[in-house]
C-alpha atoms as a PDB file:
ATOM      1  CA  MET A   1       0.000   0.000   0.000  1.00  0.00           C
ATOM      2  CA  LYS A   2       1.319   3.393  -0.965  1.00  0.00           C
ATOM      3  CA  THR A   3       1.367   6.141   1.584  1.00  0.00           C
ATOM      4  CA  ASN A   4       1.641   9.808   0.783  1.00  0.00           C
ATOM      5  CA  VAL A   5       4.623  11.022   2.768  1.00  0.00           C
ATOM      6  CA  PRO A   6       5.057  14.771   2.449  1.00  0.00           C
ATOM      7  CA  SER A   7       8.467  15.721   1.115  1.00  0.00           C
ATOM      8  CA  LEU A   8      10.543  17.871   3.423  1.00  0.00           C
ATOM      9  CA  PRO A   9      11.559  21.302   2.152  1.00  0.00           C
ATOM     10  CA  ILE A  10      15.179  21.577   1.036  1.00  0.00           C
ATOM     11  CA  THR A  11      17.137  23.972   3.216  1.00  0.00           C
ATOM     12  CA  SER A  12      20.748  25.115   3.348  1.00  0.00           C
ATOM     13  CA  THR A  13      22.918  26.279   6.220  1.00  0.00           C
ATOM     14  CA  ILE A  14      24.762  29.579   5.989  1.00  0.00           C
ATOM     15  CA  SER A  15      27.958  27.651   5.193  1.00  0.00           C
ATOM     16  CA  ASP A  16      26.160  25.821   2.390  1.00  0.00           C
ATOM     17  CA  VAL A  17      24.931  29.124   0.967  1.00  0.00           C
ATOM     18  CA  GLU A  18      28.386  30.689   1.132  1.00  0.00           C
ATOM     19  CA  ARG A  19      29.892  27.707  -0.685  1.00  0.00           C
ATOM     20  CA  ASP A  20      27.166  27.381  -3.319  1.00  0.00           C
ATOM     21  CA  THR A  21      26.689  31.071  -4.167  1.00  0.00           C
ATOM     22  CA  GLY A  22      30.059  32.648  -3.411  1.00  0.00           C
ATOM     23  CA  VAL A  23      28.439  35.208  -1.090  1.00  0.00           C
ATOM     24  CA  ALA A  24      30.367  35.412   2.190  1.00  0.00           C
ATOM     25  CA  LYS A  25      28.620  34.705   5.504  1.00  0.00           C
ATOM     26  CA  GLU A  26      29.356  38.233   6.704  1.00  0.00           C
ATOM     27  CA  THR A  27      27.747  39.683   3.572  1.00  0.00           C
ATOM     28  CA  LEU A  28      24.651  37.502   4.018  1.00  0.00           C
ATOM     29  CA  ARG A  29      24.231  38.816   7.561  1.00  0.00           C
ATOM     30  CA  VAL A  30      24.710  42.430   6.424  1.00  0.00           C
ATOM     31  CA  TRP A  31      22.103  42.036   3.652  1.00  0.00           C
ATOM     32  CA  GLU A  32      19.724  40.445   6.131  1.00  0.00           C
ATOM     33  CA  ARG A  33      19.955  43.501   8.399  1.00  0.00           C
ATOM     34  CA  ARG A  34      20.136  46.168   5.694  1.00  0.00           C
ATOM     35  CA  TYR A  35      17.764  44.854   3.020  1.00  0.00           C
ATOM     36  CA  ASP A  36      15.654  42.319   4.940  1.00  0.00           C
ATOM     37  CA  PHE A  37      16.856  39.648   2.513  1.00  0.00           C
ATOM     38  CA  PRO A  38      17.638  36.842   2.709  1.00  0.00           C
ATOM     39  CA  ARG A  39      15.183  35.823   5.407  1.00  0.00           C
ATOM     40  CA  PRO A  40      16.499  32.661   7.052  1.00  0.00           C
ATOM     41  CA  VAL A  41      14.656  30.762   9.737  1.00  0.00           C
ATOM     42  CA  ARG A  42      16.319  29.164  12.728  1.00  0.00           C
ATOM     43  CA  ASP A  43      16.768  25.424  13.155  1.00  0.00           C
ATOM     44  CA  PRO A  44      16.394  23.709  16.566  1.00  0.00           C
ATOM     45  CA  ASN A  45      19.987  24.668  17.353  1.00  0.00           C
ATOM     46  CA  GLY A  46      19.353  28.325  16.582  1.00  0.00           C
ATOM     47  CA  GLU A  47      21.375  28.291  13.359  1.00  0.00           C
ATOM     48  CA  ARG A  48      20.258  30.086  10.207  1.00  0.00           C
ATOM     49  CA  VAL A  49      18.776  27.914   7.437  1.00  0.00           C
ATOM     50  CA  TYR A  50      17.752  29.150   3.987  1.00  0.00           C
ATOM     51  CA  SER A  51      15.055  27.893   1.636  1.00  0.00           C
ATOM     52  CA  GLU A  52      15.852  26.649  -1.860  1.00  0.00           C
ATOM     53  CA  GLU A  53      14.050  29.664  -3.345  1.00  0.00           C
ATOM     54  CA  GLN A  54      16.240  32.076  -1.379  1.00  0.00           C
ATOM     55  CA  VAL A  55      19.417  30.283  -2.469  1.00  0.00           C
ATOM     56  CA  GLN A  56      18.337  30.458  -6.108  1.00  0.00           C
ATOM     57  CA  LYS A  57      17.642  34.190  -5.779  1.00  0.00           C
ATOM     58  CA  LEU A  58      21.025  34.725  -4.120  1.00  0.00           C
ATOM     59  CA  ARG A  59      22.718  33.046  -7.079  1.00  0.00           C
ATOM     60  CA  LEU A  60      21.047  35.546  -9.404  1.00  0.00           C
ATOM     61  CA  VAL A  61      21.924  38.474  -7.127  1.00  0.00           C
ATOM     62  CA  LYS A  62      25.569  37.334  -7.070  1.00  0.00           C
ATOM     63  CA  ARG A  63      25.554  37.003 -10.864  1.00  0.00           C
ATOM     64  CA  LEU A  64      24.319  40.583 -11.291  1.00  0.00           C
ATOM     65  CA  ILE A  65      26.819  41.933  -8.775  1.00  0.00           C
ATOM     66  CA  ASP A  66      29.576  40.220 -10.773  1.00  0.00           C
ATOM     67  CA  LEU A  67      28.211  42.029 -13.841  1.00  0.00           C
ATOM     68  CA  GLY A  68      28.577  45.395 -12.071  1.00  0.00           C
ATOM     69  CA  PHE A  69      25.219  46.031 -10.354  1.00  0.00           C
ATOM     70  CA  ARG A  70      25.050  47.290  -6.771  1.00  0.00           C
ATOM     71  CA  PRO A  71      23.305  45.075  -4.179  1.00  0.00           C
ATOM     72  CA  GLY A  72      20.815  47.795  -3.267  1.00  0.00           C
ATOM     73  CA  ARG A  73      19.739  48.010  -6.902  1.00  0.00           C
ATOM     74  CA  VAL A  74      18.893  44.315  -7.332  1.00  0.00           C
ATOM     75  CA  ILE A  75      18.328  42.621  -4.005  1.00  0.00           C
ATOM     76  CA  GLN A  76      14.668  43.658  -3.614  1.00  0.00           C
ATOM     77  CA  LEU A  77      13.678  42.425  -7.080  1.00  0.00           C
ATOM     78  CA  SER A  78      11.849  39.145  -7.606  1.00  0.00           C
ATOM     79  CA  ALA A  79      13.675  36.073  -8.888  1.00  0.00           C
ATOM     80  CA  ALA A  80      11.914  36.440 -12.259  1.00  0.00           C
ATOM     81  CA  GLU A  81      12.984  40.090 -12.534  1.00  0.00           C
ATOM     82  CA  LEU A  82      16.550  39.193 -11.570  1.00  0.00           C
ATOM     83  CA  GLN A  83      16.732  36.430 -14.144  1.00  0.00           C
ATOM     84  CA  ALA A  84      15.436  38.688 -16.900  1.00  0.00           C
ATOM     85  CA  MET A  85      17.935  41.386 -15.906  1.00  0.00           C
ATOM     86  CA  ALA A  86      20.823  38.903 -15.766  1.00  0.00           C
ATOM     87  CA  GLU A  87      20.010  37.485 -19.191  1.00  0.00           C
ATOM     88  CA  LYS A  88      19.790  40.975 -20.681  1.00  0.00           C
ATOM     89  CA  ALA A  89      22.975  42.187 -18.989  1.00  0.00           C
ATOM     90  CA  GLY A  90      24.915  39.066 -19.900  1.00  0.00           C
ATOM     91  CA  SER A  91      23.660  38.747 -23.468  1.00  0.00           C
ATOM     92  CA  GLY A  92      26.520  40.807 -24.871  1.00  0.00           C
ATOM     93  CA  LYS A  93      29.078  38.648 -23.079  1.00  0.00           C
ATOM     94  CA  HIS A  94      27.513  35.268 -23.685  1.00  0.00           C
ATOM     95  CA  PRO A  95      30.217  32.626 -24.137  1.00  0.00           C
ATOM     96  CA  ALA A  96      28.633  31.340 -27.321  1.00  0.00           C
ATOM     97  CA  ALA A  97      28.899  34.822 -28.843  1.00  0.00           C
ATOM     98  CA  ALA A  98      32.635  35.030 -28.187  1.00  0.00           C
ATOM     99  CA  VAL A  99      33.609  31.554 -29.375  1.00  0.00           C
ATOM    100  CA  PRO A 100      33.254  30.413 -32.987  1.00  0.00           C
ATOM    101  CA  HIS A 101      32.558  26.776 -32.108  1.00  0.00           C
ATOM    102  CA  PRO A 102      29.028  26.092 -33.431  1.00  0.00           C
ATOM    103  CA  ASP A 103      27.932  23.214 -31.204  1.00  0.00           C
ATOM    104  CA  LEU A 104      27.845  24.679 -27.685  1.00  0.00           C
ATOM    105  CA  GLN A 105      24.062  24.753 -27.523  1.00  0.00           C
ATOM    106  CA  MET A 106      23.946  21.176 -28.818  1.00  0.00           C
ATOM    107  CA  TYR A 107      26.178  20.001 -25.966  1.00  0.00           C
ATOM    108  CA  LEU A 108      24.085  21.952 -23.457  1.00  0.00           C
ATOM    109  CA  GLY A 109      20.939  20.370 -24.877  1.00  0.00           C
ATOM    110  CA  LEU A 110      22.397  16.898 -24.290  1.00  0.00           C
ATOM    111  CA  CYS A 111      22.923  17.833 -20.628  1.00  0.00           C
ATOM    112  CA  LYS A 112      19.295  18.963 -20.320  1.00  0.00           C
ATOM    113  CA  THR A 113      17.996  15.749 -21.887  1.00  0.00           C
ATOM    114  CA  HIS A 114      20.421  13.615 -19.841  1.00  0.00           C
ATOM    115  CA  GLU A 115      21.969  11.949 -22.886  1.00  0.00           C
ATOM    116  CA  MET A 116      25.312  11.599 -21.190  1.00  0.00           C
ATOM    117  CA  GLU A 117      26.630   8.717 -23.295  1.00  0.00           C
ATOM    118  CA  VAL A 118      25.954  10.755 -26.414  1.00  0.00           C
ATOM    119  CA  LEU A 119      27.606  13.780 -24.773  1.00  0.00           C
ATOM    120  CA  ARG A 120      30.749  11.812 -23.939  1.00  0.00           C
ATOM    121  CA  ARG A 121      30.909  10.340 -27.426  1.00  0.00           C
ATOM    122  CA  ARG A 122      30.533  13.776 -29.052  1.00  0.00           C
ATOM    123  CA  LEU A 123      33.185  15.236 -26.752  1.00  0.00           C
ATOM    124  CA  SER A 124      35.587  12.378 -27.518  1.00  0.00           C
ATOM    125  CA  GLN A 125      35.060  12.873 -31.248  1.00  0.00           C
ATOM    126  CA  ALA A 126      35.705  16.612 -30.903  1.00  0.00           C
ATOM    127  CA  LEU A 127      38.885  15.883 -28.935  1.00  0.00           C
ATOM    128  CA  LEU A 128      40.228  13.695 -31.734  1.00  0.00           C
ATOM    129  CA  VAL A 129      39.542  16.379 -34.328  1.00  0.00           C
ATOM    130  CA  MET A 130      40.690  19.421 -32.344  1.00  0.00           C
ATOM    131  CA  GLY A 131      43.599  18.104 -30.286  1.00  0.00           C
ATOM    132  CA  LEU A 132      43.767  18.474 -26.512  1.00  0.00           C
ATOM    133  CA  LYS A 133      44.896  22.104 -26.387  1.00  0.00           C
ATOM    134  CA  SER A 134      42.186  23.491 -28.686  1.00  0.00           C
ATOM    135  CA  PHE A 135      39.655  21.115 -27.147  1.00  0.00           C
ATOM    136  CA  VAL A 136      40.233  22.768 -23.770  1.00  0.00           C
ATOM    137  CA  THR A 137      40.410  26.409 -24.858  1.00  0.00           C
ATOM    138  CA  ASP A 138      37.859  26.416 -27.696  1.00  0.00           C
ATOM    139  CA  LEU A 139      35.292  23.905 -26.478  1.00  0.00           C
ATOM    140  CA  VAL A 140      35.477  22.823 -22.842  1.00  0.00           C
ATOM    141  CA  ALA A 141      36.197  26.274 -21.372  1.00  0.00           C
ATOM    142  CA  PRO A 142      33.365  28.150 -23.155  1.00  0.00           C
ATOM    143  CA  LEU A 143      30.990  25.204 -22.754  1.00  0.00           C
ATOM    144  CA  THR A 144      31.685  25.084 -19.015  1.00  0.00           C
ATOM    145  CA  SER A 145      30.954  28.817 -18.810  1.00  0.00           C
ATOM    146  CA  LEU A 146      27.704  28.245 -20.692  1.00  0.00           C
ATOM    147  CA  VAL A 147      26.721  25.413 -18.334  1.00  0.00           C
ATOM    148  CA  GLY A 148      27.553  27.631 -15.352  1.00  0.00           C
ATOM    149  CA  GLU A 149      25.396  30.432 -16.759  1.00  0.00           C
ATOM    150  CA  ALA A 150      22.504  28.025 -17.310  1.00  0.00           C
ATOM    151  CA  TRP A 151      22.815  26.778 -13.742  1.00  0.00           C
ATOM    152  CA  ALA A 152      22.959  30.319 -12.330  1.00  0.00           C
ATOM    153  CA  TYR A 153      19.807  31.287 -14.258  1.00  0.00           C
ATOM    154  CA  GLY A 154      17.952  28.196 -13.050  1.00  0.00           C
ATOM    155  CA  GLN A 155      17.875  26.643 -16.538  1.00  0.00           C
ATOM    156  CA  LEU A 156      19.960  23.659 -15.457  1.00  0.00           C
ATOM    157  CA  ALA A 157      19.500  21.605 -12.292  1.00  0.00           C
ATOM    158  CA  VAL A 158      22.400  21.007  -9.936  1.00  0.00           C
ATOM    159  CA  PHE A 159      22.454  17.280 -10.743  1.00  0.00           C
ATOM    160  CA  GLU A 160      22.544  18.086 -14.478  1.00  0.00           C
ATOM    161  CA  GLU A 161      25.594  20.280 -13.952  1.00  0.00           C
ATOM    162  CA  HIS A 162      27.191  17.413 -12.021  1.00  0.00           C
ATOM    163  CA  LEU A 163      26.440  14.994 -14.860  1.00  0.00           C
ATOM    164  CA  TYR A 164      28.130  17.391 -17.272  1.00  0.00           C
ATOM    165  CA  THR A 165      31.168  17.785 -15.020  1.00  0.00           C
ATOM    166  CA  GLU A 166      31.556  14.033 -14.611  1.00  0.00           C
ATOM    167  CA  SER A 167      31.301  13.458 -18.364  1.00  0.00           C
ATOM    168  CA  VAL A 168      33.971  16.059 -19.155  1.00  0.00           C
ATOM    169  CA  ASN A 169      36.156  14.683 -16.362  1.00  0.00           C
ATOM    170  CA  MET A 170      36.046  11.203 -17.894  1.00  0.00           C
ATOM    171  CA  VAL A 171      36.967  12.417 -21.373  1.00  0.00           C
ATOM    172  CA  MET A 172      39.716  14.795 -20.266  1.00  0.00           C
ATOM    173  CA  ARG A 173      41.286  12.478 -17.703  1.00  0.00           C
ATOM    174  CA  SER A 174      41.638   9.820 -20.371  1.00  0.00           C
ATOM    175  CA  ALA A 175      43.182  12.355 -22.765  1.00  0.00           C
ATOM    176  CA  ILE A 176      45.657  13.609 -20.155  1.00  0.00           C
ATOM    177  CA  PHE A 177      46.662  10.056 -19.259  1.00  0.00           C
ATOM    178  CA  SER A 178      47.470   9.345 -22.912  1.00  0.00           C
ATOM    179  CA  VAL A 179      50.009  12.211 -23.101  1.00  0.00           C
ATOM    180  CA  PRO A 180      53.536  10.928 -22.313  1.00  0.00           C
ATOM    181  CA  GLN A 181      54.895  12.309 -19.039  1.00  0.00           C
ATOM    182  CA  ALA A 182      57.728  14.775 -19.444  1.00  0.00           C
ATOM    183  CA  ASN A 183      61.332  13.825 -18.793  1.00  0.00           C
ATOM    184  CA  ASN A 184      62.677  16.123 -16.092  1.00  0.00           C
ATOM    185  CA  GLY A 185      66.052  16.045 -17.723  1.00  0.00           C
ATOM    186  CA  MET A 186      64.562  18.048 -20.601  1.00  0.00           C
ATOM    187  CA  GLY A 187      63.972  21.099 -18.417  1.00  0.00           C
ATOM    188  CA  ALA A 188      60.308  20.411 -17.770  1.00  0.00           C
ATOM    189  CA  PRO A 189      58.814  22.256 -14.786  1.00  0.00           C
ATOM    190  CA  ARG A 190      57.294  20.123 -12.040  1.00  0.00           C
ATOM    191  CA  ILE A 191      53.803  21.545 -11.523  1.00  0.00           C
ATOM    192  CA  MET A 192      51.518  20.531  -8.664  1.00  0.00           C
ATOM    193  CA  LEU A 193      47.822  21.253  -9.136  1.00  0.00           C
ATOM    194  CA  THR A 194      45.161  21.494  -6.449  1.00  0.00           C
ATOM    195  CA  THR A 195      42.562  23.783  -4.840  1.00  0.00           C
ATOM    196  CA  LEU A 196      42.376  25.380  -1.417  1.00  0.00           C
ATOM    197  CA  PRO A 197      40.200  23.701   1.252  1.00  0.00           C
ATOM    198  CA  GLN A 198      37.181  25.919   0.498  1.00  0.00           C
ATOM    199  CA  GLU A 199      37.182  25.196  -3.254  1.00  0.00           C
ATOM    200  CA  ARG A 200      35.400  21.965  -4.195  1.00  0.00           C
ATOM    201  CA  HIS A 201      35.117  22.540  -7.970  1.00  0.00           C
ATOM    202  CA  GLY A 202      37.762  20.609  -9.891  1.00  0.00           C
ATOM    203  CA  LEU A 203      36.966  21.050 -13.579  1.00  0.00           C
ATOM    204  CA  GLY A 204      39.001  24.244 -13.878  1.00  0.00           C
ATOM    205  CA  LEU A 205      41.901  22.409 -12.259  1.00  0.00           C
ATOM    206  CA  LEU A 206      41.629  19.631 -14.832  1.00  0.00           C
ATOM    207  CA  MET A 207      41.682  22.171 -17.670  1.00  0.00           C
ATOM    208  CA  MET A 208      44.833  23.728 -16.224  1.00  0.00           C
ATOM    209  CA  GLU A 209      46.455  20.296 -15.967  1.00  0.00           C
ATOM    210  CA  ALA A 210      45.625  19.517 -19.589  1.00  0.00           C
ATOM    211  CA  MET A 211      47.194  22.780 -20.770  1.00  0.00           C
ATOM    212  CA  CYS A 212      50.342  22.141 -18.712  1.00  0.00           C
ATOM    213  CA  VAL A 213      50.701  18.544 -19.907  1.00  0.00           C
ATOM    214  CA  VAL A 214      50.403  19.629 -23.541  1.00  0.00           C
ATOM    215  CA  GLU A 215      53.330  21.992 -22.970  1.00  0.00           C
ATOM    216  CA  GLY A 216      55.507  19.160 -21.662  1.00  0.00           C
ATOM    217  CA  ALA A 217      55.265  19.957 -17.961  1.00  0.00           C
ATOM    218  CA  HIS A 218      55.535  17.182 -15.387  1.00  0.00           C
ATOM    219  CA  CYS A 219      52.168  17.414 -13.584  1.00  0.00           C
ATOM    220  CA  ILE A 220      51.191  16.078 -10.172  1.00  0.00           C
ATOM    221  CA  SER A 221      47.544  16.579  -9.170  1.00  0.00           C
ATOM    222  CA  LEU A 222      46.387  16.456  -5.552  1.00  0.00           C
ATOM    223  CA  GLY A 223      42.736  16.910  -6.486  1.00  0.00           C
ATOM    224  CA  VAL A 224      40.529  19.418  -4.705  1.00  0.00           C
ATOM    225  CA  GLN A 225      40.271  20.845  -1.191  1.00  0.00           C
ATOM    226  CA  THR A 226      43.823  20.228  -0.002  1.00  0.00           C
ATOM    227  CA  PRO A 227      44.797  21.739   3.379  1.00  0.00           C
ATOM    228  CA  LEU A 228      47.524  24.379   3.116  1.00  0.00           C
ATOM    229  CA  GLN A 229      50.071  22.485   5.177  1.00  0.00           C
ATOM    230  CA  ASP A 230      49.595  19.399   3.010  1.00  0.00           C
ATOM    231  CA  ILE A 231      50.217  21.498  -0.117  1.00  0.00           C
ATOM    232  CA  VAL A 232      53.445  22.819   1.399  1.00  0.00           C
ATOM    233  CA  GLU A 233      54.642  19.367   2.486  1.00  0.00           C
ATOM    234  CA  ALA A 234      53.852  17.874  -0.925  1.00  0.00           C
ATOM    235  CA  ALA A 235      55.631  20.725  -2.702  1.00  0.00           C
ATOM    236  CA  ARG A 236      58.794  20.062  -0.685  1.00  0.00           C
ATOM    237  CA  ALA A 237      58.648  16.280  -0.967  1.00  0.00           C
ATOM    238  CA  GLN A 238      57.955  16.305  -4.717  1.00  0.00           C
ATOM    239  CA  ARG A 239      60.506  19.070  -5.486  1.00  0.00           C
ATOM    240  CA  ILE A 240      57.796  21.180  -7.079  1.00  0.00           C
ATOM    241  CA  ASP A 241      58.691  24.211  -9.184  1.00  0.00           C
ATOM    242  CA  ILE A 242      55.178  25.647  -9.540  1.00  0.00           C
ATOM    243  CA  VAL A 243      52.024  25.261  -7.437  1.00  0.00           C
ATOM    244  CA  ALA A 244      48.951  25.919  -9.603  1.00  0.00           C
ATOM    245  CA  LEU A 245      45.571  26.556  -8.000  1.00  0.00           C
ATOM    246  CA  SER A 246      42.120  26.866  -9.549  1.00  0.00           C
ATOM    247  CA  PHE A 247      39.265  29.076  -8.328  1.00  0.00           C
ATOM    248  CA  SER A 248      35.659  28.842  -9.502  1.00  0.00           C
ATOM    249  CA  ALA A 249      33.309  31.775  -9.991  1.00  0.00           C
ATOM    250  CA  SER A 250      31.660  30.964  -6.662  1.00  0.00           C
ATOM    251  CA  SER A 251      34.888  31.149  -4.659  1.00  0.00           C
ATOM    252  CA  ASN A 252      34.943  33.583  -1.748  1.00  0.00           C
ATOM    253  CA  PRO A 253      37.375  36.400  -2.705  1.00  0.00           C
ATOM    254  CA  ARG A 254      38.488  37.136   0.850  1.00  0.00           C
ATOM    255  CA  GLN A 255      39.137  33.482   1.671  1.00  0.00           C
ATOM    256  CA  ALA A 256      40.948  33.026  -1.632  1.00  0.00           C
ATOM    257  CA  MET A 257      43.283  35.978  -1.095  1.00  0.00           C
ATOM    258  CA  ASP A 258      43.986  35.110   2.534  1.00  0.00           C
ATOM    259  CA  GLY A 259      44.694  31.486   1.624  1.00  0.00           C
ATOM    260  CA  LEU A 260      46.984  32.444  -1.258  1.00  0.00           C
ATOM    261  CA  ALA A 261      48.981  34.884   0.849  1.00  0.00           C
ATOM    262  CA  ASP A 262      49.361  32.303   3.618  1.00  0.00           C
ATOM    263  CA  LEU A 263      50.404  29.605   1.142  1.00  0.00           C
ATOM    264  CA  GLN A 264      52.957  31.834  -0.574  1.00  0.00           C
ATOM    265  CA  ALA A 265      54.574  32.616   2.782  1.00  0.00           C
ATOM    266  CA  ARG A 266      54.968  28.886   3.553  1.00  0.00           C
ATOM    267  CA  LEU A 267      56.180  27.603   0.188  1.00  0.00           C
ATOM    268  CA  PRO A 268      59.911  27.174  -0.562  1.00  0.00           C
ATOM    269  CA  GLU A 269      61.443  30.340  -1.977  1.00  0.00           C
ATOM    270  CA  HIS A 270      62.091  28.814  -5.416  1.00  0.00           C
ATOM    271  CA  CYS A 271      58.473  27.620  -5.783  1.00  0.00           C
ATOM    272  CA  ALA A 272      56.261  29.837  -7.953  1.00  0.00           C
ATOM    273  CA  LEU A 273      52.543  30.258  -7.290  1.00  0.00           C
ATOM    274  CA  TRP A 274      50.065  30.341 -10.178  1.00  0.00           C
ATOM    275  CA  ALA A 275      46.291  30.701 -10.111  1.00  0.00           C
ATOM    276  CA  GLY A 276      43.552  30.465 -12.687  1.00  0.00           C
ATOM    277  CA  GLY A 277      39.882  29.762 -13.098  1.00  0.00           C
ATOM    278  CA  ALA A 278      36.655  31.719 -13.317  1.00  0.00           C
ATOM    279  CA  SER A 279      37.074  33.977 -10.265  1.00  0.00           C
ATOM    280  CA  THR A 280      36.701  37.543 -11.575  1.00  0.00           C
ATOM    281  CA  SER A 281      37.754  39.093  -8.246  1.00  0.00           C
ATOM    282  CA  LEU A 282      41.093  37.273  -8.366  1.00  0.00           C
ATOM    283  CA  LYS A 283      41.773  38.628 -11.844  1.00  0.00           C
ATOM    284  CA  ARG A 284      40.940  42.165 -10.726  1.00  0.00           C
ATOM    285  CA  ARG A 285      43.248  42.060  -7.707  1.00  0.00           C
ATOM    286  CA  ASN A 286      46.113  40.143  -9.369  1.00  0.00           C
ATOM    287  CA  PRO A 287      48.469  40.154  -6.348  1.00  0.00           C
ATOM    288  CA  LYS A 288      52.181  40.716  -6.971  1.00  0.00           C
ATOM    289  CA  PHE A 289      53.336  37.616  -5.091  1.00  0.00           C
ATOM    290  CA  MET A 290      51.757  35.266  -7.614  1.00  0.00           C
ATOM    291  CA  ARG A 291      50.711  34.967 -11.247  1.00  0.00           C
ATOM    292  CA  VAL A 292      47.070  34.897 -12.374  1.00  0.00           C
ATOM    293  CA  LEU A 293      46.733  33.194 -15.751  1.00  0.00           C
ATOM    294  CA  GLU A 294      44.056  32.574 -18.343  1.00  0.00           C
ATOM    295  CA  LEU A 295      44.118  29.121 -19.915  1.00  0.00           C
ATOM    296  CA  ALA A 296      45.471  30.552 -23.156  1.00  0.00           C
ATOM    297  CA  GLU A 297      48.390  32.169 -21.262  1.00  0.00           C
ATOM    298  CA  ILE A 298      49.714  28.935 -19.721  1.00  0.00           C
ATOM    299  CA  SER A 299      51.747  28.003 -22.807  1.00  0.00           C
ATOM    300  CA  ALA A 300      53.668  31.298 -22.803  1.00  0.00           C
ATOM    301  CA  ALA A 301      54.150  31.135 -19.028  1.00  0.00           C
ATOM    302  CA  ILE A 302      55.758  27.676 -19.238  1.00  0.00           C
ATOM    303  CA  THR A 303      57.933  28.772 -22.161  1.00  0.00           C
ATOM    304  CA  GLU A 304      59.043  31.771 -20.112  1.00  0.00           C
ATOM    305  CA  TRP A 305      59.801  29.532 -17.113  1.00  0.00           C
ATOM    306  CA  ARG A 306      61.914  27.266 -19.319  1.00  0.00           C
ATOM    307  CA  GLY A 307      63.840  30.187 -20.769  1.00  0.00           C
ATOM    308  CA  ARG A 308      64.544  31.674 -17.359  1.00  0.00           C
ATOM    309  CA  HIS A 309      65.748  28.403 -15.861  1.00  0.00           C
ATOM    310  CA  ALA A 310      67.813  27.518 -18.919  1.00  0.00           C
ATOM    311  CA  HIS A 311      69.561  30.862 -18.459  1.00  0.00           C
ATOM    312  CA  LEU A 312      70.155  30.118 -14.762  1.00  0.00           C
ATOM    313  CA  ARG A 313      71.613  26.680 -15.588  1.00  0.00           C
ATOM    314  CA  ALA A 314      73.867  28.194 -18.248  1.00  0.00           C
ATOM    315  CA  GLY A 315      75.058  30.802 -15.765  1.00  0.00           C
END
């Protein structure tokens, strides 16, 4: 006999909201006092919890703030008004408009219809035609931005984004594995790739690894969310030349900058620090103690590293 059990509403803690939207806890509390939004309720332990609708609206608010709007201008609007404004504001910068590859919408459609085997097959075919470097810069990077936009606008469910990420991971990991590892005697930099403990998104990291491998670097990946001390210990033990970190668009700028500064102070003096990813705040700040790179700039950066170290060896 079937019984109708009411489904429980989906709620998020303030830490969940910070992680999923990129809006810091302190900012959420300020908005709550200043704008009366968001409006969390308290759980039995007195902690703030947020409804799914509020989290979705916060994603749209964060998207518009990233596009240059002030919080006071957008935070009182409805979710429908925010989505319409975000689509209009972002239409001139839509990834599909900037990239000549014609099939981005087709790939996105496969995600929406959950045809993941077809998606993986199409991606693998594109990889064979384009080569790994162009596959990353001309297809995976803009497609990932498009998927992220669709998720932020509520056009793609969280699980659909995860299905996309897993499919791309499978295709790219196989491609990276097939590239012969560099011989350190040939002057290849040893690059360790990871993310800070607060960053759980790994697709940007995988794209960075692919670009480094193509350029003949010797890559060692620790995966995501590695504690700072473990990064430092691994860098020493593995004789790492460059630590490369990835930051997603939802990363907390303050946490990112604090973590990077702390990491740089602990790393061996010879070890360079690189960062990349979709974090716009990191690109704006571009601290002097490290190098912030676009995917397309990795090739030149490795060539420059090789030239500098060849000069040091010759001297």
